[in-house]
C-alpha atoms as a PDB file:
ATOM      1  CA  MET A   1      38.060  62.186 136.246  1.00  0.00           C
ATOM      2  CA  PHE A   2      41.093  61.277 134.211  1.00  0.00           C
ATOM      3  CA  TYR A   3      42.330  58.977 137.147  1.00  0.00           C
ATOM      4  CA  ARG A   4      39.207  57.344 136.569  1.00  0.00           C
ATOM      5  CA  GLU A   5      39.126  57.220 133.135  1.00  0.00           C
ATOM      6  CA  ILE A   6      43.072  55.487 133.670  1.00  0.00           C
ATOM      7  CA  ALA A   7      41.879  52.932 135.920  1.00  0.00           C
ATOM      8  CA  ILE A   8      39.253  51.902 134.517  1.00  0.00           C
ATOM      9  CA  CYS A   9      41.263  51.394 131.439  1.00  0.00           C
ATOM     10  CA  LYS A  10      43.933  49.832 133.236  1.00  0.00           C
ATOM     11  CA  SER A  11      41.399  47.577 134.691  1.00  0.00           C
ATOM     12  CA  LEU A  12      40.261  46.111 131.123  1.00  0.00           C
ATOM     13  CA  LYS A  13      43.875  45.654 129.849  1.00  0.00           C
ATOM     14  CA  THR A  14      44.740  43.298 132.731  1.00  0.00           C
ATOM     15  CA  PHE A  15      41.675  41.442 132.560  1.00  0.00           C
ATOM     16  CA  PHE A  16      42.141  40.761 128.420  1.00  0.00           C
ATOM     17  CA  THR A  17      45.743  40.337 128.722  1.00  0.00           C
ATOM     18  CA  ASP A  18      44.940  37.663 131.999  1.00  0.00           C
ATOM     19  CA  LYS A  19      42.597  35.891 129.438  1.00  0.00           C
ATOM     20  CA  LEU A  20      45.272  36.103 126.799  1.00  0.00           C
ATOM     21  CA  PHE A  21      47.172  33.836 128.646  1.00  0.00           C
ATOM     22  CA  ALA A  22      45.121  31.587 129.912  1.00  0.00           C
ATOM     23  CA  LEU A  23      43.905  30.851 126.140  1.00  0.00           C
ATOM     24  CA  PHE A  24      47.924  30.248 125.534  1.00  0.00           C
ATOM     25  CA  LEU A  25      48.396  27.667 128.141  1.00  0.00           C
ATOM     26  CA  LEU A  26      45.032  26.196 127.083  1.00  0.00           C
ATOM     27  CA  GLY A  27      46.385  25.987 123.325  1.00  0.00           C
ATOM     28  CA  THR A  28      50.060  24.151 124.785  1.00  0.00           C
ATOM     29  CA  ASN A  29      48.500  21.807 127.280  1.00  0.00           C
ATOM     30  CA  THR A  30      46.036  20.383 124.291  1.00  0.00           C
ATOM     31  CA  ALA A  31      48.863  20.472 121.985  1.00  0.00           C
ATOM     32  CA  VAL A  32      51.038  18.089 124.627  1.00  0.00           C
ATOM     33  CA  GLN A  33      47.404  15.844 125.669  1.00  0.00           C
ATOM     34  CA  VAL A  34      46.369  15.348 121.841  1.00  0.00           C
ATOM     35  CA  GLU A  35      49.906  14.041 121.179  1.00  0.00           C
ATOM     36  CA  ASP A  36      49.956  11.917 124.433  1.00  0.00           C
ATOM     37  CA  TYR A  37      46.716  10.182 122.864  1.00  0.00           C
ATOM     38  CA  PRO A  38      48.209   7.373 120.103  1.00  0.00           C
ATOM     39  CA  LEU A  39      51.347   6.641 122.644  1.00  0.00           C
ATOM     40  CA  GLN A  40      48.294   5.486 125.120  1.00  0.00           C
ATOM     41  CA  ASN A  41      46.104   3.447 122.398  1.00  0.00           C
ATOM     42  CA  ASN A  42      49.377   1.513 120.967  1.00  0.00           C
ATOM     43  CA  SER A  43      50.479   0.510 125.019  1.00  0.00           C
ATOM     44  CA  ASN A  44      46.905  -0.432 125.612  1.00  0.00           C
ATOM     45  CA  ASP A  45      47.110  -2.514 122.504  1.00  0.00           C
ATOM     46  CA  THR A  46      50.311  -4.460 123.366  1.00  0.00           C
ATOM     47  CA  LYS A  47      48.812  -5.157 127.134  1.00  0.00           C
ATOM     48  CA  SER A  48      46.083  -6.996 125.373  1.00  0.00           C
ATOM     49  CA  ALA A  49      48.421  -9.051 122.732  1.00  0.00           C
ATOM     50  CA  SER A  50      50.013  -9.623 125.835  1.00  0.00           C
ATOM     51  CA  GLU A  51      47.595 -10.802 127.601  1.00  0.00           C
ATOM     52  CA  ASN A  52      46.519 -13.294 125.363  1.00  0.00           C
ATOM     53  CA  ASN A  53      49.316 -15.453 125.221  1.00  0.00           C
ATOM     54  CA  ALA A  54      49.705 -15.520 128.342  1.00  0.00           C
ATOM     55  CA  GLY A  55      46.660 -17.218 128.243  1.00  0.00           C
ATOM     56  CA  ASP A  56      47.323 -19.372 125.714  1.00  0.00           C
ATOM     57  CA  ASN A  57      50.221 -20.434 127.140  1.00  0.00           C
ATOM     58  CA  SER A  58      48.479 -21.243 131.037  1.00  0.00           C
ATOM     59  CA  SER A  59      45.865 -23.799 128.756  1.00  0.00           C
ATOM     60  CA  GLN A  60      49.348 -25.572 127.728  1.00  0.00           C
ATOM     61  CA  GLN A  61      50.900 -25.913 131.053  1.00  0.00           C
ATOM     62  CA  GLN A  62      49.424 -26.703 134.567  1.00  0.00           C
ATOM     63  CA  PRO A  63      50.205 -24.397 137.353  1.00  0.00           C
ATOM     64  CA  ALA A  64      52.041 -25.563 140.368  1.00  0.00           C
ATOM     65  CA  PRO A  65      50.442 -25.999 143.305  1.00  0.00           C
ATOM     66  CA  ALA A  66      51.016 -22.967 145.584  1.00  0.00           C
ATOM     67  CA  THR A  67      52.497 -23.658 148.874  1.00  0.00           C
ATOM     68  CA  GLU A  68      51.872 -20.901 151.027  1.00  0.00           C
ATOM     69  CA  LYS A  69      50.069 -18.036 150.543  1.00  0.00           C
ATOM     70  CA  LEU A  70      51.313 -14.946 150.434  1.00  0.00           C
ATOM     71  CA  GLN A  71      49.160 -12.170 152.865  1.00  0.00           C
ATOM     72  CA  PRO A  72      50.041  -8.536 151.872  1.00  0.00           C
ATOM     73  CA  SER A  73      51.847  -6.596 154.410  1.00  0.00           C
ATOM     74  CA  PRO A  74      49.880  -3.946 155.846  1.00  0.00           C
ATOM     75  CA  GLN A  75      50.908  -0.163 154.685  1.00  0.00           C
ATOM     76  CA  PRO A  76      50.388   3.017 156.324  1.00  0.00           C
ATOM     77  CA  THR A  77      47.602   4.611 155.461  1.00  0.00           C
ATOM     78  CA  THR A  78      47.827   8.836 154.476  1.00  0.00           C
ATOM     79  CA  ASP A  79      46.543  11.179 153.068  1.00  0.00           C
ATOM     80  CA  MET A  80      47.436  11.497 149.606  1.00  0.00           C
ATOM     81  CA  GLU A  81      46.158  14.553 147.339  1.00  0.00           C
ATOM     82  CA  VAL A  82      44.732  13.423 143.981  1.00  0.00           C
ATOM     83  CA  HIS A  83      45.345  16.021 141.509  1.00  0.00           C
ATOM     84  CA  HIS A  84      42.983  16.024 138.589  1.00  0.00           C
ATOM     85  CA  GLU A  85      43.868  16.606 135.415  1.00  0.00           C
ATOM     86  CA  PRO A  86      42.287  20.248 133.751  1.00  0.00           C
ATOM     87  CA  HIS A  87      39.412  20.096 131.734  1.00  0.00           C
ATOM     88  CA  ILE A  88      40.745  20.511 127.916  1.00  0.00           C
ATOM     89  CA  TYR A  89      38.490  22.422 125.566  1.00  0.00           C
ATOM     90  CA  HIS A  90      40.715  21.131 122.851  1.00  0.00           C
ATOM     91  CA  GLN A  91      41.360  17.017 124.375  1.00  0.00           C
ATOM     92  CA  HIS A  92      38.453  15.530 122.210  1.00  0.00           C
ATOM     93  CA  HIS A  93      38.091  18.161 119.609  1.00  0.00           C
ATOM     94  CA  GLY A  94      40.891  18.240 117.399  1.00  0.00           C
ATOM     95  CA  LYS A  95      43.496  21.159 116.372  1.00  0.00           C
ATOM     96  CA  LYS A  96      41.640  24.779 116.910  1.00  0.00           C
ATOM     97  CA  LYS A  97      39.446  26.652 114.126  1.00  0.00           C
ATOM     98  CA  PHE A  98      40.780  29.845 112.496  1.00  0.00           C
ATOM     99  CA  LYS A  99      37.443  31.295 114.560  1.00  0.00           C
ATOM    100  CA  GLU A 100      39.267  30.899 118.001  1.00  0.00           C
ATOM    101  CA  TYR A 101      42.648  32.578 116.772  1.00  0.00           C
ATOM    102  CA  LEU A 102      40.338  34.975 115.035  1.00  0.00           C
ATOM    103  CA  PHE A 103      39.247  35.872 118.653  1.00  0.00           C
ATOM    104  CA  GLU A 104      42.138  35.143 120.660  1.00  0.00           C
ATOM    105  CA  PHE A 105      43.758  37.894 118.188  1.00  0.00           C
ATOM    106  CA  LEU A 106      40.661  40.261 118.488  1.00  0.00           C
ATOM    107  CA  MET A 107      41.370  40.425 122.239  1.00  0.00           C
ATOM    108  CA  LEU A 108      45.131  40.704 122.172  1.00  0.00           C
ATOM    109  CA  PHE A 109      44.440  43.730 119.772  1.00  0.00           C
ATOM    110  CA  LEU A 110      41.489  45.169 122.435  1.00  0.00           C
ATOM    111  CA  ALA A 111      44.157  44.662 124.835  1.00  0.00           C
ATOM    112  CA  VAL A 112      46.670  46.676 123.107  1.00  0.00           C
ATOM    113  CA  PHE A 113      44.394  49.357 121.836  1.00  0.00           C
ATOM    114  CA  LEU A 114      42.802  50.371 125.539  1.00  0.00           C
ATOM    115  CA  GLY A 115      46.172  50.693 126.426  1.00  0.00           C
ATOM    116  CA  PHE A 116      47.288  52.932 124.442  1.00  0.00           C
ATOM    117  CA  ILE A 117      44.131  54.739 124.882  1.00  0.00           C
ATOM    118  CA  ALA A 118      45.180  54.734 129.089  1.00  0.00           C
ATOM    119  CA  GLU A 119      48.563  56.039 127.825  1.00  0.00           C
ATOM    120  CA  ASN A 120      47.355  59.175 125.454  1.00  0.00           C
ATOM    121  CA  ILE A 121      44.532  60.092 128.183  1.00  0.00           C
ATOM    122  CA  ARG A 122      47.479  59.882 130.920  1.00  0.00           C
ATOM    123  CA  GLU A 123      49.936  61.973 128.538  1.00  0.00           C
ATOM    124  CA  GLU A 124      47.293  64.276 128.153  1.00  0.00           C
ATOM    125  CA  PHE A 125      45.992  64.937 131.518  1.00  0.00           C
ATOM    126  CA  SER A 126      50.090  65.195 132.395  1.00  0.00           C
ATOM    127  CA  ASP A 127      50.454  67.949 129.205  1.00  0.00           C
ATOM    128  CA  LYS A 128      47.272  70.006 130.664  1.00  0.00           C
ATOM    129  CA  LYS A 129      48.591  69.678 134.326  1.00  0.00           C
ATOM    130  CA  ARG A 130      52.163  71.708 133.066  1.00  0.00           C
ATOM    131  CA  ALA A 131      50.843  74.491 130.610  1.00  0.00           C
ATOM    132  CA  HIS A 132      48.840  75.074 133.882  1.00  0.00           C
ATOM    133  CA  GLN A 133      51.740  75.686 136.321  1.00  0.00           C
ATOM    134  CA  PHE A 134      53.682  77.230 133.196  1.00  0.00           C
ATOM    135  CA  ALA A 135      50.854  79.694 132.987  1.00  0.00           C
ATOM    136  CA  VAL A 136      50.827  80.373 136.483  1.00  0.00           C
ATOM    137  CA  SER A 137      54.897  80.889 136.326  1.00  0.00           C
ATOM    138  CA  LEU A 138      54.024  83.016 133.047  1.00  0.00           C
ATOM    139  CA  VAL A 139      51.505  84.960 134.704  1.00  0.00           C
ATOM    140  CA  GLN A 140      53.949  85.971 137.774  1.00  0.00           C
ATOM    141  CA  ASP A 141      56.834  87.282 135.375  1.00  0.00           C
ATOM    142  CA  LEU A 142      54.180  89.993 133.138  1.00  0.00           C
ATOM    143  CA  ALA A 143      53.131  90.971 136.660  1.00  0.00           C
ATOM    144  CA  LYS A 144      56.827  92.027 137.198  1.00  0.00           C
ATOM    145  CA  ASP A 145      57.249  93.147 133.504  1.00  0.00           C
ATOM    146  CA  THR A 146      54.068  95.387 134.353  1.00  0.00           C
ATOM    147  CA  THR A 147      55.948  97.006 137.585  1.00  0.00           C
ATOM    148  CA  ASN A 148      59.095  97.444 135.446  1.00  0.00           C
ATOM    149  CA  ILE A 149      57.614  98.814 132.419  1.00  0.00           C
ATOM    150  CA  SER A 150      55.684 101.071 134.823  1.00  0.00           C
ATOM    151  CA  ASP A 151      58.951 102.594 135.877  1.00  0.00           C
ATOM    152  CA  ALA A 152      60.778 102.859 132.805  1.00  0.00           C
ATOM    153  CA  ILE A 153      58.034 104.708 131.072  1.00  0.00           C
ATOM    154  CA  VAL A 154      57.958 107.275 133.973  1.00  0.00           C
ATOM    155  CA  ALA A 155      61.847 107.964 134.110  1.00  0.00           C
ATOM    156  CA  ASN A 156      62.499 107.691 129.808  1.00  0.00           C
ATOM    157  CA  THR A 157      59.371 110.433 130.002  1.00  0.00           C
ATOM    158  CA  GLN A 158      61.248 112.659 132.499  1.00  0.00           C
ATOM    159  CA  LEU A 159      64.469 112.115 130.347  1.00  0.00           C
ATOM    160  CA  VAL A 160      62.297 113.024 127.244  1.00  0.00           C
ATOM    161  CA  ALA A 161      61.702 116.064 128.776  1.00  0.00           C
ATOM    162  CA  ASN A 162      64.750 117.275 129.741  1.00  0.00           C
ATOM    163  CA  TYR A 163      66.477 116.540 126.322  1.00  0.00           C
ATOM    164  CA  ASP A 164      63.872 118.745 125.229  1.00  0.00           C
ATOM    165  CA  SER A 165      64.747 121.765 127.602  1.00  0.00           C
ATOM    166  CA  LEU A 166      68.460 121.325 126.932  1.00  0.00           C
ATOM    167  CA  LEU A 167      67.610 121.524 122.639  1.00  0.00           C
ATOM    168  CA  ALA A 168      65.788 124.807 123.903  1.00  0.00           C
ATOM    169  CA  ILE A 169      68.510 126.337 125.678  1.00  0.00           C
ATOM    170  CA  LEU A 170      71.399 125.179 122.745  1.00  0.00           C
ATOM    171  CA  LYS A 171      68.973 126.587 120.139  1.00  0.00           C
ATOM    172  CA  ALA A 172      68.260 130.174 121.788  1.00  0.00           C
ATOM    173  CA  PRO A 173      70.844 132.772 121.812  1.00  0.00           C
ATOM    174  CA  GLY A 174      72.618 133.838 124.667  1.00  0.00           C
ATOM    175  CA  LEU A 175      74.012 130.528 125.329  1.00  0.00           C
ATOM    176  CA  THR A 176      76.419 131.479 127.711  1.00  0.00           C
ATOM    177  CA  ALA A 177      74.247 133.551 129.793  1.00  0.00           C
ATOM    178  CA  ASN A 178      72.397 130.175 130.412  1.00  0.00           C
ATOM    179  CA  THR A 179      75.127 128.071 131.036  1.00  0.00           C
ATOM    180  CA  ASN A 180      73.764 126.658 134.849  1.00  0.00           C
ATOM    181  CA  ARG A 181      70.636 126.318 132.920  1.00  0.00           C
ATOM    182  CA  ALA A 182      72.479 124.023 130.585  1.00  0.00           C
ATOM    183  CA  TYR A 183      74.429 122.106 133.123  1.00  0.00           C
ATOM    184  CA  TYR A 184      71.445 121.447 135.247  1.00  0.00           C
ATOM    185  CA  TYR A 185      69.377 119.776 132.165  1.00  0.00           C
ATOM    186  CA  PHE A 186      72.945 118.380 130.447  1.00  0.00           C
ATOM    187  CA  TRP A 187      72.990 116.815 134.159  1.00  0.00           C
ATOM    188  CA  PRO A 188      70.071 113.996 133.419  1.00  0.00           C
ATOM    189  CA  SER A 189      71.282 113.254 129.845  1.00  0.00           C
ATOM    190  CA  ASN A 190      74.270 111.188 131.455  1.00  0.00           C
ATOM    191  CA  TYR A 191      71.794 108.557 132.602  1.00  0.00           C
ATOM    192  CA  TYR A 192      69.258 105.881 130.876  1.00  0.00           C
ATOM    193  CA  TYR A 193      67.241 104.076 131.564  1.00  0.00           C
ATOM    194  CA  PRO A 194      66.054 100.486 129.766  1.00  0.00           C
ATOM    195  CA  PHE A 195      63.403  98.383 130.691  1.00  0.00           C
ATOM    196  CA  ASN A 196      64.461  94.783 132.071  1.00  0.00           C
ATOM    197  CA  VAL A 197      62.467  91.930 130.843  1.00  0.00           C
ATOM    198  CA  MET A 198      61.507  88.847 132.825  1.00  0.00           C
ATOM    199  CA  GLU A 199      61.901  86.223 130.604  1.00  0.00           C
ATOM    200  CA  LYS A 200      63.022  83.306 132.807  1.00  0.00           C
ATOM    201  CA  THR A 201      60.206  81.006 131.874  1.00  0.00           C
ATOM    202  CA  TYR A 202      59.516  81.654 128.457  1.00  0.00           C
ATOM    203  CA  GLN A 203      63.198  80.982 127.817  1.00  0.00           C
ATOM    204  CA  GLN A 204      62.430  77.776 129.517  1.00  0.00           C
ATOM    205  CA  LEU A 205      59.772  77.372 127.164  1.00  0.00           C
ATOM    206  CA  GLU A 206      61.466  78.184 124.040  1.00  0.00           C
ATOM    207  CA  ASN A 207      64.295  76.155 124.877  1.00  0.00           C
ATOM    208  CA  ALA A 208      62.538  72.593 126.109  1.00  0.00           C
ATOM    209  CA  GLY A 209      59.876  73.105 123.358  1.00  0.00           C
ATOM    210  CA  GLU A 210      57.280  73.230 125.403  1.00  0.00           C
ATOM    211  CA  LEU A 211      55.351  75.805 123.541  1.00  0.00           C
ATOM    212  CA  ARG A 212      53.635  73.137 122.581  1.00  0.00           C
ATOM    213  CA  LEU A 213      51.812  72.335 125.630  1.00  0.00           C
ATOM    214  CA  PHE A 214      49.506  75.535 125.212  1.00  0.00           C
ATOM    215  CA  THR A 215      46.929  73.512 123.269  1.00  0.00           C
ATOM    216  CA  GLU A 216      43.950  76.825 123.672  1.00  0.00           C
ATOM    217  CA  GLU A 217      43.746  78.558 120.749  1.00  0.00           C
ATOM    218  CA  GLY A 218      45.574  81.505 119.831  1.00  0.00           C
ATOM    219  CA  ALA A 219      47.640  80.704 123.706  1.00  0.00           C
ATOM    220  CA  ALA A 220      51.131  80.134 122.340  1.00  0.00           C
ATOM    221  CA  ASP A 221      50.904  82.958 119.696  1.00  0.00           C
ATOM    222  CA  THR A 222      50.119  85.535 122.274  1.00  0.00           C
ATOM    223  CA  ILE A 223      53.073  84.477 124.775  1.00  0.00           C
ATOM    224  CA  SER A 224      54.769  84.674 121.565  1.00  0.00           C
ATOM    225  CA  ALA A 225      54.360  87.217 120.196  1.00  0.00           C
ATOM    226  CA  TYR A 226      54.474  89.529 123.415  1.00  0.00           C
ATOM    227  CA  TYR A 227      57.865  88.301 123.510  1.00  0.00           C
ATOM    228  CA  THR A 228      58.742  88.879 120.033  1.00  0.00           C
ATOM    229  CA  ASP A 229      57.982  92.905 120.716  1.00  0.00           C
ATOM    230  CA  ILE A 230      60.176  92.584 123.467  1.00  0.00           C
ATOM    231  CA  LYS A 231      62.652  91.670 121.389  1.00  0.00           C
ATOM    232  CA  ASP A 232      61.976  94.868 118.917  1.00  0.00           C
ATOM    233  CA  LEU A 233      62.005  96.920 122.204  1.00  0.00           C
ATOM    234  CA  GLU A 234      65.407  95.734 123.394  1.00  0.00           C
ATOM    235  CA  ASN A 235      66.477  96.499 119.428  1.00  0.00           C
ATOM    236  CA  GLN A 236      65.056  99.952 119.668  1.00  0.00           C
ATOM    237  CA  PHE A 237      67.285 100.627 123.189  1.00  0.00           C
ATOM    238  CA  ALA A 238      70.544  99.038 121.387  1.00  0.00           C
ATOM    239  CA  THR A 239      70.278 102.084 118.814  1.00  0.00           C
ATOM    240  CA  TYR A 240      69.530 104.132 121.109  1.00  0.00           C
ATOM    241  CA  LEU A 241      72.968 103.587 123.392  1.00  0.00           C
ATOM    242  CA  HIS A 242      74.395 103.584 120.130  1.00  0.00           C
ATOM    243  CA  TYR A 243      73.579 107.481 119.434  1.00  0.00           C
ATOM    244  CA  PHE A 244      74.234 107.862 122.950  1.00  0.00           C
ATOM    245  CA  ASP A 245      77.302 107.426 123.096  1.00  0.00           C
ATOM    246  CA  GLY A 246      78.214 109.419 119.940  1.00  0.00           C
ATOM    247  CA  TYR A 247      76.221 112.370 121.242  1.00  0.00           C
ATOM    248  CA  HIS A 248      78.610 112.141 124.990  1.00  0.00           C
ATOM    249  CA  GLU A 249      81.376 111.949 122.663  1.00  0.00           C
ATOM    250  CA  LEU A 250      81.174 115.428 121.711  1.00  0.00           C
ATOM    251  CA  ALA A 251      79.547 116.846 124.640  1.00  0.00           C
ATOM    252  CA  PHE A 252      83.051 115.858 126.138  1.00  0.00           C
ATOM    253  CA  GLN A 253      84.189 119.113 124.223  1.00  0.00           C
ATOM    254  CA  VAL A 254      81.454 121.039 125.320  1.00  0.00           C
ATOM    255  CA  PHE A 255      80.866 120.419 129.279  1.00  0.00           C
ATOM    256  CA  SER A 256      83.213 120.470 131.546  1.00  0.00           C
ATOM    257  CA  TYR A 257      83.277 116.965 133.607  1.00  0.00           C
ATOM    258  CA  THR A 258      85.132 118.633 136.597  1.00  0.00           C
ATOM    259  CA  LYS A 259      82.171 120.651 137.774  1.00  0.00           C
ATOM    260  CA  LEU A 260      79.796 117.610 137.610  1.00  0.00           C
ATOM    261  CA  ASP A 261      79.163 115.514 140.645  1.00  0.00           C
ATOM    262  CA  PHE A 262      77.036 113.016 139.694  1.00  0.00           C
ATOM    263  CA  ASP A 263      76.618 111.773 143.963  1.00  0.00           C
ATOM    264  CA  ARG A 264      75.031 114.952 144.962  1.00  0.00           C
ATOM    265  CA  GLN A 265      71.751 114.787 146.264  1.00  0.00           C
ATOM    266  CA  ASP A 266      70.194 117.604 144.261  1.00  0.00           C
ATOM    267  CA  PRO A 267      71.343 118.435 140.537  1.00  0.00           C
ATOM    268  CA  LYS A 268      69.532 121.757 141.352  1.00  0.00           C
ATOM    269  CA  GLU A 269      72.334 123.021 143.281  1.00  0.00           C
ATOM    270  CA  LEU A 270      73.895 123.517 139.931  1.00  0.00           C
ATOM    271  CA  LEU A 271      71.235 126.337 138.787  1.00  0.00           C
ATOM    272  CA  SER A 272      72.579 128.508 141.468  1.00  0.00           C
ATOM    273  CA  GLU A 273      76.805 127.523 141.682  1.00  0.00           C
ATOM    274  CA  LYS A 274      79.200 130.073 140.564  1.00  0.00           C
ATOM    275  CA  GLY A 275      81.807 129.596 138.175  1.00  0.00           C
ATOM    276  CA  LEU A 276      80.562 127.267 136.001  1.00  0.00           C
ATOM    277  CA  ALA A 277      81.679 127.858 132.174  1.00  0.00           C
ATOM    278  CA  LEU A 278      81.359 125.626 128.590  1.00  0.00           C
ATOM    279  CA  LYS A 279      84.403 124.618 127.859  1.00  0.00           C
ATOM    280  CA  THR A 280      83.466 125.910 124.244  1.00  0.00           C
ATOM    281  CA  THR A 281      80.469 127.855 122.164  1.00  0.00           C
ATOM    282  CA  ASP A 282      81.719 127.392 118.956  1.00  0.00           C
ATOM    283  CA  ALA A 283      78.577 127.565 116.699  1.00  0.00           C
ATOM    284  CA  THR A 284      79.023 124.897 114.589  1.00  0.00           C
ATOM    285  CA  THR A 285      80.162 122.414 117.752  1.00  0.00           C
ATOM    286  CA  ILE A 286      77.084 123.567 119.162  1.00  0.00           C
ATOM    287  CA  ASP A 287      74.964 122.765 116.111  1.00  0.00           C
ATOM    288  CA  ILE A 288      75.975 119.276 115.730  1.00  0.00           C
ATOM    289  CA  LEU A 289      75.905 118.442 119.866  1.00  0.00           C
ATOM    290  CA  TYR A 290      72.167 120.116 119.167  1.00  0.00           C
ATOM    291  CA  ALA A 291      71.347 117.354 115.856  1.00  0.00           C
ATOM    292  CA  LYS A 292      73.384 114.548 117.655  1.00  0.00           C
ATOM    293  CA  LEU A 293      70.969 115.101 120.626  1.00  0.00           C
ATOM    294  CA  TYR A 294      67.854 115.591 119.481  1.00  0.00           C
ATOM    295  CA  VAL A 295      68.274 111.987 117.651  1.00  0.00           C
ATOM    296  CA  ILE A 296      68.747 110.462 120.420  1.00  0.00           C
ATOM    297  CA  ARG A 297      65.953 112.661 121.869  1.00  0.00           C
ATOM    298  CA  THR A 298      63.607 110.975 118.904  1.00  0.00           C
ATOM    299  CA  ILE A 299      64.454 107.451 119.970  1.00  0.00           C
ATOM    300  CA  ALA A 300      63.977 107.720 123.433  1.00  0.00           C
ATOM    301  CA  ALA A 301      60.408 109.172 122.659  1.00  0.00           C
ATOM    302  CA  ILE A 302      60.434 106.453 120.245  1.00  0.00           C
ATOM    303  CA  TYR A 303      61.048 103.692 123.091  1.00  0.00           C
ATOM    304  CA  VAL A 304      58.751 104.968 125.601  1.00  0.00           C
ATOM    305  CA  LYS A 305      55.561 104.652 123.618  1.00  0.00           C
ATOM    306  CA  GLN A 306      56.636 101.045 122.708  1.00  0.00           C
ATOM    307  CA  LEU A 307      56.961 100.627 125.955  1.00  0.00           C
ATOM    308  CA  GLN A 308      53.043 102.311 126.687  1.00  0.00           C
ATOM    309  CA  ALA A 309      51.840  99.397 123.802  1.00  0.00           C
ATOM    310  CA  LEU A 310      53.891  96.666 125.916  1.00  0.00           C
ATOM    311  CA  LYS A 311      52.306  97.185 128.801  1.00  0.00           C
ATOM    312  CA  GLN A 312      49.213  97.366 127.410  1.00  0.00           C
ATOM    313  CA  GLU A 313      49.868  93.958 125.254  1.00  0.00           C
ATOM    314  CA  ALA A 314      51.104  92.614 129.178  1.00  0.00           C
ATOM    315  CA  GLY A 315      47.852  93.073 130.333  1.00  0.00           C
ATOM    316  CA  ASN A 316      45.939  91.458 127.595  1.00  0.00           C
ATOM    317  CA  THR A 317      47.949  88.659 127.679  1.00  0.00           C
ATOM    318  CA  VAL A 318      47.715  88.044 131.453  1.00  0.00           C
ATOM    319  CA  ALA A 319      44.145  88.271 130.986  1.00  0.00           C
ATOM    320  CA  PHE A 320      43.813  85.805 128.042  1.00  0.00           C
ATOM    321  CA  LEU A 321      45.857  83.222 130.219  1.00  0.00           C
ATOM    322  CA  ARG A 322      43.641  83.773 133.138  1.00  0.00           C
ATOM    323  CA  GLU A 323      40.628  83.197 131.107  1.00  0.00           C
ATOM    324  CA  LYS A 324      41.563  80.250 129.798  1.00  0.00           C
ATOM    325  CA  TYR A 325      43.749  78.216 131.813  1.00  0.00           C
ATOM    326  CA  SER A 326      41.099  79.171 134.965  1.00  0.00           C
ATOM    327  CA  LEU A 327      43.226  81.441 136.605  1.00  0.00           C
ATOM    328  CA  ASN A 328      42.953  83.141 139.946  1.00  0.00           C
END
């Protein structure tokens, strides 16, 4: 549909441009021929005067008798092209009138206006096509985000559960009797599971200012809100890492890392391993370790809730883009 409208507008623009060019040539030829008329009249008057003077002189002098009659030599006949002067509208009408200038101005204005409309239609069609392509790319990124979010939710939920088990052991009396279980639940606390966002398309849109292409109501705001929430999630995880490092600085003083093999296939082996012992069972140190662990457990639990909310938002954003841009 847009191609047909563009073709019509361009045809009209070409038509009116040709007409204006013809009118321009018309006005130019008229000016030249109107100026030539007085010179032609003067030459005719001069010719008549010469003929009159010649008549007077012939009446006074007797012509000499011709001794030989000259015969014109035959000339070869050739086909010759006859050039006809174009009919000039203003040839016998003098200068153009104001209405004619006004008409030419209106034709020029109409040609420029139609060209402007055709260009706008072309740009609008191009922008809609690019917005559709970006929408497809965004949906693909969001689909990958949804998978990554689901994996992060599972991993961090399990991590919070391990934190709870270790907190219970550190708080209960008889820590020495539960050394193997303490190592078993401490082992996964050395890992963290961030959510890695796919934001290549959004960064391209933001850096190039292409979010303006999403002219559908609420489209740009919906996209921007999703990636703003991701920034909040990343800030939450940065806070988690800060307290995670503080927790492990103290854990180095309680747990012996020489007893831990993080490459082992099954951490459950720690439950039956012989010779495991804590480096210290000082009550104050254990209380501080408990407090630091509780902080990162709380931050991790909040992080899981944010991931769940972001997963729901990703699904809503995908549904919105599919509806607005007719995606399969």
